[in-house]
N, C-alpha and C. Protein backbone atom coordinates (compact mmCIF):
# COMPACT_ATOMS: atom_id res chain seq x y z
N UNK A 1 0.73 -0.89 -0.12
CA UNK A 1 -0.04 0.01 0.24
C UNK A 1 0.83 1.17 -0.17
N UNK A 2 0.31 2.30 -0.18
CA UNK A 2 1.11 3.59 0.13
C UNK A 2 0.18 4.64 0.57
N UNK A 3 0.74 5.90 0.98
CA UNK A 3 0.26 6.68 1.92
C UNK A 3 0.05 7.76 0.47
N UNK A 4 -1.22 8.74 0.75
CA UNK A 4 -1.27 10.02 -0.26
C UNK A 4 -0.45 10.97 -0.02
N UNK A 5 0.02 11.70 -0.98
CA UNK A 5 1.16 12.91 -0.62
C UNK A 5 -0.11 13.84 -1.38
N UNK A 6 0.13 15.18 -0.52
CA UNK A 6 -0.87 16.55 -1.08
C UNK A 6 -0.23 16.83 -2.73
N UNK A 7 -1.13 16.84 -3.37
CA UNK A 7 -0.53 17.51 -4.79
C UNK A 7 -1.47 18.45 -4.93
N UNK A 8 -0.69 19.87 -5.04
CA UNK A 8 -1.88 21.13 -4.73
C UNK A 8 -2.54 21.39 -6.37
N UNK A 9 -1.20 21.19 -6.84
CA UNK A 9 -2.59 20.92 -8.42
C UNK A 9 -3.78 20.41 -8.60
N UNK A 10 -3.32 18.93 -8.45
CA UNK A 10 -4.83 18.33 -8.01
C UNK A 10 -5.77 18.97 -7.55
N UNK A 11 -5.45 19.46 -6.41
CA UNK A 11 -6.71 19.29 -5.23
C UNK A 11 -7.63 20.68 -6.30
N UNK A 12 -6.00 21.95 -6.82
CA UNK A 12 -7.05 23.23 -7.33
C UNK A 12 -7.67 22.77 -8.45
N UNK A 13 -7.36 21.58 -9.40
CA UNK A 13 -8.38 21.54 -10.25
C UNK A 13 -9.49 20.69 -9.97
N UNK A 14 -9.58 20.31 -8.82
CA UNK A 14 -10.69 19.55 -8.23
C UNK A 14 -11.88 20.40 -7.36
N UNK A 15 -11.21 21.39 -6.71
CA UNK A 15 -11.83 22.74 -6.04
C UNK A 15 -11.19 24.31 -6.36
N UNK A 16 -11.45 24.54 -7.72
CA UNK A 16 -11.13 25.73 -8.11
C UNK A 16 -11.69 26.84 -7.35
N UNK A 17 -12.95 26.52 -6.80
CA UNK A 17 -14.09 27.11 -6.14
C UNK A 17 -12.77 27.94 -4.51
N UNK A 18 -11.70 27.38 -4.21
CA UNK A 18 -10.88 27.73 -3.36
C UNK A 18 -9.64 28.77 -3.84
N UNK A 19 -9.98 28.95 -4.47
CA UNK A 19 -8.51 30.10 -5.33
C UNK A 19 -8.02 31.08 -4.30
N UNK A 20 -8.77 31.36 -3.42
CA UNK A 20 -8.90 32.35 -2.74
C UNK A 20 -7.91 31.99 -1.22
N UNK A 21 -8.08 30.61 -1.27
CA UNK A 21 -6.96 30.06 -0.04
C UNK A 21 -5.54 29.99 -0.37
N UNK A 22 -4.93 30.09 -0.23
CA UNK A 22 -3.33 30.52 -0.37
C UNK A 22 -2.67 28.67 -0.37
N UNK A 23 -1.73 28.78 -1.14
CA UNK A 23 -1.15 27.72 -0.95
C UNK A 23 -0.34 26.73 0.07
N UNK A 24 0.01 28.32 0.86
CA UNK A 24 0.52 27.89 2.04
C UNK A 24 -0.33 27.24 3.30
N UNK A 25 -0.95 27.45 2.85
CA UNK A 25 -2.05 27.16 3.80
C UNK A 25 -2.50 25.68 3.43
N UNK A 26 -2.66 25.24 2.38
CA UNK A 26 -3.14 23.85 1.81
C UNK A 26 -2.50 22.36 2.30
N UNK A 27 -1.26 22.41 2.95
CA UNK A 27 -0.85 21.59 3.43
C UNK A 27 -0.95 21.40 4.99
N UNK A 28 -1.21 22.47 5.52
CA UNK A 28 -2.08 22.49 6.77
C UNK A 28 -3.46 21.64 6.84
N UNK A 29 -4.19 22.27 5.80
CA UNK A 29 -5.55 21.67 5.82
C UNK A 29 -5.31 20.22 4.96
N UNK A 30 -4.22 19.57 4.40
CA UNK A 30 -3.99 18.50 4.17
C UNK A 30 -3.79 17.52 5.60
N UNK A 31 -3.20 17.82 6.30
CA UNK A 31 -2.29 17.18 7.42
C UNK A 31 -3.63 17.02 8.42
N UNK A 32 -4.26 18.17 8.27
CA UNK A 32 -5.53 18.03 9.40
C UNK A 32 -6.40 16.91 8.92
N UNK A 33 -6.50 17.20 7.03
CA UNK A 33 -7.55 15.96 6.66
C UNK A 33 -7.03 14.28 6.85
N UNK A 34 -5.50 14.55 7.42
CA UNK A 34 -5.32 12.99 8.01
C UNK A 34 -5.68 12.90 9.83
N UNK A 35 -6.23 13.99 10.23
CA UNK A 35 -6.74 13.53 11.75
C UNK A 35 -7.91 12.96 11.40
N UNK A 36 -8.38 13.10 10.67
CA UNK A 36 -10.05 12.87 10.08
C UNK A 36 -9.92 11.17 9.53
N UNK A 37 -9.15 10.93 8.43
CA UNK A 37 -9.05 9.91 7.79
C UNK A 37 -7.28 9.19 7.83
N UNK A 38 -7.74 8.40 8.07
CA UNK A 38 -6.27 7.42 8.22
C UNK A 38 -5.23 7.58 7.25
N UNK A 39 -4.03 8.04 7.11
CA UNK A 39 -3.32 8.14 5.67
C UNK A 39 -2.23 7.10 5.80
N UNK A 40 -2.27 6.39 6.41
CA UNK A 40 -1.13 5.42 6.43
C UNK A 40 -1.65 4.00 5.91
N UNK A 41 -0.54 3.00 5.66
CA UNK A 41 -0.70 1.47 5.34
C UNK A 41 -1.57 0.89 6.25
N UNK A 42 -2.44 1.52 7.30
CA UNK A 42 -3.19 0.87 8.03
C UNK A 42 -4.65 1.42 8.06
N UNK A 43 -4.46 2.29 7.20
CA UNK A 43 -6.43 2.92 6.72
C UNK A 43 -6.95 2.22 6.28
N UNK A 44 -8.29 2.03 6.56
CA UNK A 44 -9.36 1.28 6.25
C UNK A 44 -9.41 1.33 4.48
N UNK A 45 -9.55 2.63 4.08
CA UNK A 45 -9.07 3.07 2.58
C UNK A 45 -8.37 2.28 1.96
N UNK A 46 -7.96 1.23 1.56
CA UNK A 46 -6.73 1.07 1.11
C UNK A 46 -6.63 1.36 -0.64
N UNK A 47 -7.75 1.35 -1.15
CA UNK A 47 -7.49 2.16 -2.34
C UNK A 47 -6.92 3.57 -2.45
N UNK A 48 -5.53 3.86 -2.76
CA UNK A 48 -4.98 5.04 -2.56
C UNK A 48 -5.39 6.23 -3.33
N UNK A 49 -6.00 6.19 -4.70
CA UNK A 49 -6.76 7.23 -5.55
C UNK A 49 -8.13 7.72 -4.59
N UNK A 50 -9.02 6.49 -4.27
CA UNK A 50 -10.03 6.85 -3.54
C UNK A 50 -10.06 7.88 -2.28
N UNK A 51 -8.63 7.44 -1.33
CA UNK A 51 -8.73 7.76 0.15
C UNK A 51 -7.81 9.45 -0.12
N UNK A 52 -7.58 9.33 -1.33
CA UNK A 52 -6.79 10.95 -1.83
C UNK A 52 -7.96 11.75 -2.31
N UNK A 53 -8.92 11.27 -2.94
CA UNK A 53 -10.69 11.90 -3.27
C UNK A 53 -10.90 12.32 -1.86
N UNK A 54 -10.66 11.40 -1.03
CA UNK A 54 -11.63 11.68 0.49
C UNK A 54 -10.71 12.79 1.19
N UNK A 55 -9.48 12.52 0.72
CA UNK A 55 -8.52 13.55 1.76
C UNK A 55 -9.12 14.83 1.10
N UNK A 56 -9.17 15.03 -0.14
CA UNK A 56 -9.25 16.71 -0.94
C UNK A 56 -10.84 16.98 -0.50
N UNK A 57 -11.68 15.85 -0.27
CA UNK A 57 -13.10 16.29 0.31
C UNK A 57 -12.74 16.95 1.26
N UNK A 58 -12.39 16.22 2.13
CA UNK A 58 -12.20 17.15 3.76
C UNK A 58 -11.07 18.44 3.78
N UNK A 59 -10.26 18.43 2.86
CA UNK A 59 -9.79 19.80 2.56
C UNK A 59 -10.88 20.87 2.07
N UNK A 60 -11.55 20.32 1.23
CA UNK A 60 -12.43 21.19 0.83
C UNK A 60 -12.94 21.54 2.13
N UNK A 61 -13.94 20.63 2.60
CA UNK A 61 -14.93 21.27 3.87
C UNK A 61 -14.08 22.19 5.06
N UNK A 62 -13.04 21.79 4.97
CA UNK A 62 -12.14 22.48 6.18
C UNK A 62 -11.75 23.81 5.49
N UNK A 63 -11.67 24.12 4.55
CA UNK A 63 -11.18 25.30 3.51
C UNK A 63 -12.88 26.16 3.62
N UNK A 64 -13.92 25.07 2.98
CA UNK A 64 -15.02 25.75 3.35
C UNK A 64 -15.56 26.69 4.76
N UNK A 65 -15.31 25.74 5.54
CA UNK A 65 -15.71 26.17 7.30
C UNK A 65 -14.93 27.14 7.21
N UNK A 66 -13.54 27.35 7.16
CA UNK A 66 -12.37 28.54 7.62
C UNK A 66 -12.59 29.77 6.92
N UNK A 67 -12.49 29.64 5.60
CA UNK A 67 -11.71 30.29 4.47
C UNK A 67 -13.04 30.89 3.65
N UNK A 68 -14.29 29.87 3.49
CA UNK A 68 -14.91 30.34 2.58
C UNK A 68 -14.61 30.03 1.11
N UNK A 69 -15.22 30.15 0.40
CA UNK A 69 -14.72 30.16 -1.25
C UNK A 69 -14.71 31.51 -1.84
N UNK A 70 -14.33 31.12 -3.18
CA UNK A 70 -13.76 32.10 -3.71
C UNK A 70 -14.76 33.24 -4.57
N UNK A 71 -16.36 32.60 -3.81
CA UNK A 71 -17.36 33.54 -4.07
C UNK A 71 -17.92 34.18 -3.00
N UNK A 72 -17.53 34.03 -1.65
CA UNK A 72 -17.74 34.70 -0.44
C UNK A 72 -18.53 33.73 0.41
N UNK A 73 -18.61 32.52 -0.05
CA UNK A 73 -19.85 31.44 0.57
C UNK A 73 -18.98 30.90 1.43
N UNK A 74 -19.59 30.38 2.50
CA UNK A 74 -18.99 29.78 3.79
C UNK A 74 -18.28 30.69 4.78
N UNK A 75 -17.04 30.07 5.80
CA UNK A 75 -16.30 31.08 6.09
C UNK A 75 -16.57 31.67 6.87
N UNK A 76 -17.89 31.41 7.50
CA UNK A 76 -18.62 32.34 8.46
C UNK A 76 -18.56 32.45 10.08
N UNK A 77 -17.74 31.13 10.25
CA UNK A 77 -17.77 30.89 11.67
C UNK A 77 -18.74 30.53 12.42
N UNK A 78 -20.10 30.10 11.27
CA UNK A 78 -21.14 29.58 12.22
C UNK A 78 -21.78 28.44 12.14
N UNK A 79 -21.88 27.89 13.15
CA UNK A 79 -21.82 26.29 13.02
C UNK A 79 -23.23 25.79 13.01
N UNK A 80 -24.12 25.13 12.15
CA UNK A 80 -25.34 25.09 12.18
C UNK A 80 -26.08 25.63 10.69
N UNK A 81 -27.51 25.34 10.80
CA UNK A 81 -28.22 25.94 10.22
C UNK A 81 -28.57 27.84 10.93
N UNK A 82 -29.25 28.66 9.82
CA UNK A 82 -29.83 29.70 10.31
C UNK A 82 -31.36 29.43 11.26
N UNK A 83 -31.45 29.42 12.13
CA UNK A 83 -32.18 29.29 12.83
C UNK A 83 -33.00 30.49 13.04
N UNK A 84 -32.68 31.82 12.96
CA UNK A 84 -33.41 32.67 12.84
C UNK A 84 -32.94 34.26 12.81
N UNK A 85 -32.94 35.17 11.97
CA UNK A 85 -32.18 36.55 11.34
C UNK A 85 -32.90 37.83 11.71
N UNK A 86 -32.34 38.75 11.88
CA UNK A 86 -33.29 39.89 12.41
C UNK A 86 -32.29 40.85 11.61
N UNK A 87 -33.05 42.01 11.51
CA UNK A 87 -32.43 43.22 9.97
C UNK A 87 -32.09 44.02 11.30
N UNK A 88 -33.23 44.96 11.59
CA UNK A 88 -32.79 45.98 13.06
C UNK A 88 -31.75 45.48 13.78
N UNK A 89 -30.14 46.06 13.74
CA UNK A 89 -29.67 45.86 15.01
C UNK A 89 -28.75 44.45 14.38
N UNK A 90 -29.34 43.72 13.28
CA UNK A 90 -28.50 42.78 13.02
C UNK A 90 -28.44 41.41 14.07
N UNK A 91 -28.85 40.57 13.64
CA UNK A 91 -29.30 39.50 14.54
C UNK A 91 -28.99 37.86 14.04
N UNK A 92 -28.27 36.97 14.22
CA UNK A 92 -28.18 36.12 13.52
C UNK A 92 -28.22 34.84 14.51
N UNK A 93 -29.19 33.45 14.48
CA UNK A 93 -28.61 32.41 15.54
C UNK A 93 -28.94 31.26 14.76
N UNK A 94 -28.14 30.13 15.22
CA UNK A 94 -28.19 28.95 14.11
C UNK A 94 -27.98 27.83 15.29
N UNK A 95 -28.81 26.79 14.79
CA UNK A 95 -28.94 25.49 15.44
C UNK A 95 -28.34 24.43 14.58
N UNK A 96 -28.00 22.75 15.01
CA UNK A 96 -28.03 21.86 14.09
C UNK A 96 -29.42 21.03 13.65
N UNK A 97 -30.53 21.48 14.60
CA UNK A 97 -31.74 20.82 14.15
C UNK A 97 -31.71 19.02 14.77
N UNK A 98 -32.63 18.58 14.26
CA UNK A 98 -32.28 17.45 14.66
C UNK A 98 -31.38 16.19 13.65
N UNK A 99 -30.00 17.03 13.99
CA UNK A 99 -29.28 16.09 13.32
C UNK A 99 -28.27 15.24 14.24
N UNK A 100 -27.97 14.03 13.72
CA UNK A 100 -27.23 13.39 14.61
C UNK A 100 -25.55 14.08 14.91
N UNK A 101 -25.54 13.89 16.54
CA UNK A 101 -24.20 15.03 16.87
C UNK A 101 -22.60 14.53 16.07
N UNK A 102 -23.01 13.14 15.75
CA UNK A 102 -21.69 12.32 15.18
C UNK A 102 -21.37 12.93 13.68
N UNK A 103 -22.47 13.10 13.30
CA UNK A 103 -22.04 13.50 11.62
C UNK A 103 -22.75 15.35 11.56
N UNK A 104 -22.79 15.77 12.57
CA UNK A 104 -23.29 17.37 12.56
C UNK A 104 -22.14 18.36 11.75
N UNK A 105 -20.97 17.93 12.31
CA UNK A 105 -19.59 18.93 11.53
C UNK A 105 -19.63 19.01 10.34
N UNK A 106 -20.26 17.62 9.82
CA UNK A 106 -19.75 17.10 8.38
C UNK A 106 -20.72 18.33 7.39
N UNK A 107 -22.17 18.66 7.89
CA UNK A 107 -23.30 18.98 7.04
C UNK A 107 -22.94 20.53 7.49
N UNK A 108 -21.73 21.06 7.49
CA UNK A 108 -21.70 22.86 7.01
C UNK A 108 -21.08 22.58 6.00
N UNK A 109 -20.92 21.79 5.24
CA UNK A 109 -20.60 22.32 3.79
C UNK A 109 -21.59 20.71 2.80
N UNK A 110 -21.42 21.14 1.55
CA UNK A 110 -21.64 20.35 0.98
C UNK A 110 -20.29 18.81 0.73
N UNK A 111 -19.41 19.71 0.57
CA UNK A 111 -18.17 18.94 0.74
C UNK A 111 -18.06 17.89 2.00
N UNK A 112 -18.45 18.04 3.06
CA UNK A 112 -18.53 17.68 4.31
C UNK A 112 -19.46 16.32 4.57
N UNK A 113 -20.69 16.81 3.78
CA UNK A 113 -21.79 16.06 3.33
C UNK A 113 -21.49 14.72 2.32
N UNK A 114 -20.77 14.90 1.01
CA UNK A 114 -20.14 14.19 0.11
C UNK A 114 -19.61 13.19 1.25
N UNK A 115 -18.95 13.25 1.93
CA UNK A 115 -17.51 12.84 2.93
C UNK A 115 -18.15 12.00 3.76
N UNK A 116 -19.03 12.24 3.99
CA UNK A 116 -19.81 11.25 4.92
C UNK A 116 -20.43 10.24 4.33
N UNK A 117 -21.06 10.84 3.17
CA UNK A 117 -21.62 9.67 2.26
C UNK A 117 -20.76 8.51 1.83
N UNK A 118 -19.89 9.25 1.46
CA UNK A 118 -18.76 8.69 0.58
C UNK A 118 -18.21 7.66 1.66
N UNK A 119 -17.85 8.02 2.74
CA UNK A 119 -17.52 6.91 4.01
C UNK A 119 -18.45 5.84 4.59
N UNK A 120 -19.85 6.09 4.16
CA UNK A 120 -20.33 5.12 4.93
C UNK A 120 -20.34 3.74 4.99
N UNK A 121 -19.60 3.03 3.60
CA UNK A 121 -19.46 1.95 4.26
C UNK A 121 -18.07 1.16 5.34
N UNK A 122 -17.59 2.31 5.49
CA UNK A 122 -16.21 2.41 6.34
C UNK A 122 -16.94 1.82 7.89
N UNK A 123 -18.02 2.73 8.03
CA UNK A 123 -18.31 3.01 9.13
C UNK A 123 -19.56 1.37 9.72
N UNK A 124 -19.96 0.91 8.72
CA UNK A 124 -20.78 -0.12 8.88
C UNK A 124 -19.62 -1.41 9.53
N UNK A 125 -20.57 -2.17 10.26
CA UNK A 125 -19.94 -3.18 10.86
C UNK A 125 -19.82 -4.55 9.97
N UNK A 126 -18.69 -5.05 9.90
CA UNK A 126 -18.68 -6.15 9.32
C UNK A 126 -19.03 -7.60 9.90
N UNK A 127 -19.85 -8.42 8.89
CA UNK A 127 -20.47 -9.82 9.55
C UNK A 127 -19.57 -10.72 8.75
N UNK A 128 -19.05 -11.54 9.58
CA UNK A 128 -18.47 -13.20 8.83
C UNK A 128 -18.73 -13.91 9.50
N UNK A 129 -19.55 -14.59 8.53
CA UNK A 129 -20.67 -15.88 9.02
C UNK A 129 -19.67 -16.65 9.69
N UNK A 130 -20.24 -17.91 10.51
CA UNK A 130 -19.75 -18.78 11.13
C UNK A 130 -19.27 -18.33 12.29
N UNK A 131 -19.07 -19.45 13.18
CA UNK A 131 -18.42 -19.50 14.39
C UNK A 131 -16.82 -19.69 15.17
N UNK A 132 -16.50 -19.15 15.03
CA UNK A 132 -14.86 -19.68 15.82
C UNK A 132 -15.13 -20.76 17.14
N UNK A 133 -16.35 -20.86 17.41
CA UNK A 133 -16.44 -21.52 18.80
C UNK A 133 -17.39 -22.55 18.52
N UNK A 134 -17.39 -23.50 17.20
CA UNK A 134 -18.67 -24.14 16.54
C UNK A 134 -17.94 -25.47 17.21
């Protein structure tokens, strides 16, 4: 097996909407992505091409949440959906609604939701028929 190394040009090609995030920040986002998805020979995602795609989804999610994209979306620092808004004297509140806590963080961006869905097979239990005690 192998590990994924950051290819900034590939990330930029996949996610051109993050042209506002400097290249110097991308290695930090990549390293942080490996905190969520193991990037060693022991990763559950043994297909390196798939692991790269998943790590880049996480990078995009982190970039969106922290810095926003080049169209000004995201990067608000607000967690959750808009629950209420006021115009006079500006007031906004958010909540997570009926979302399970274990994946609420991923719902902050479409990239995070894509990652959550794509990794579903890795969060399911494996069943091996037969018994070692039979």
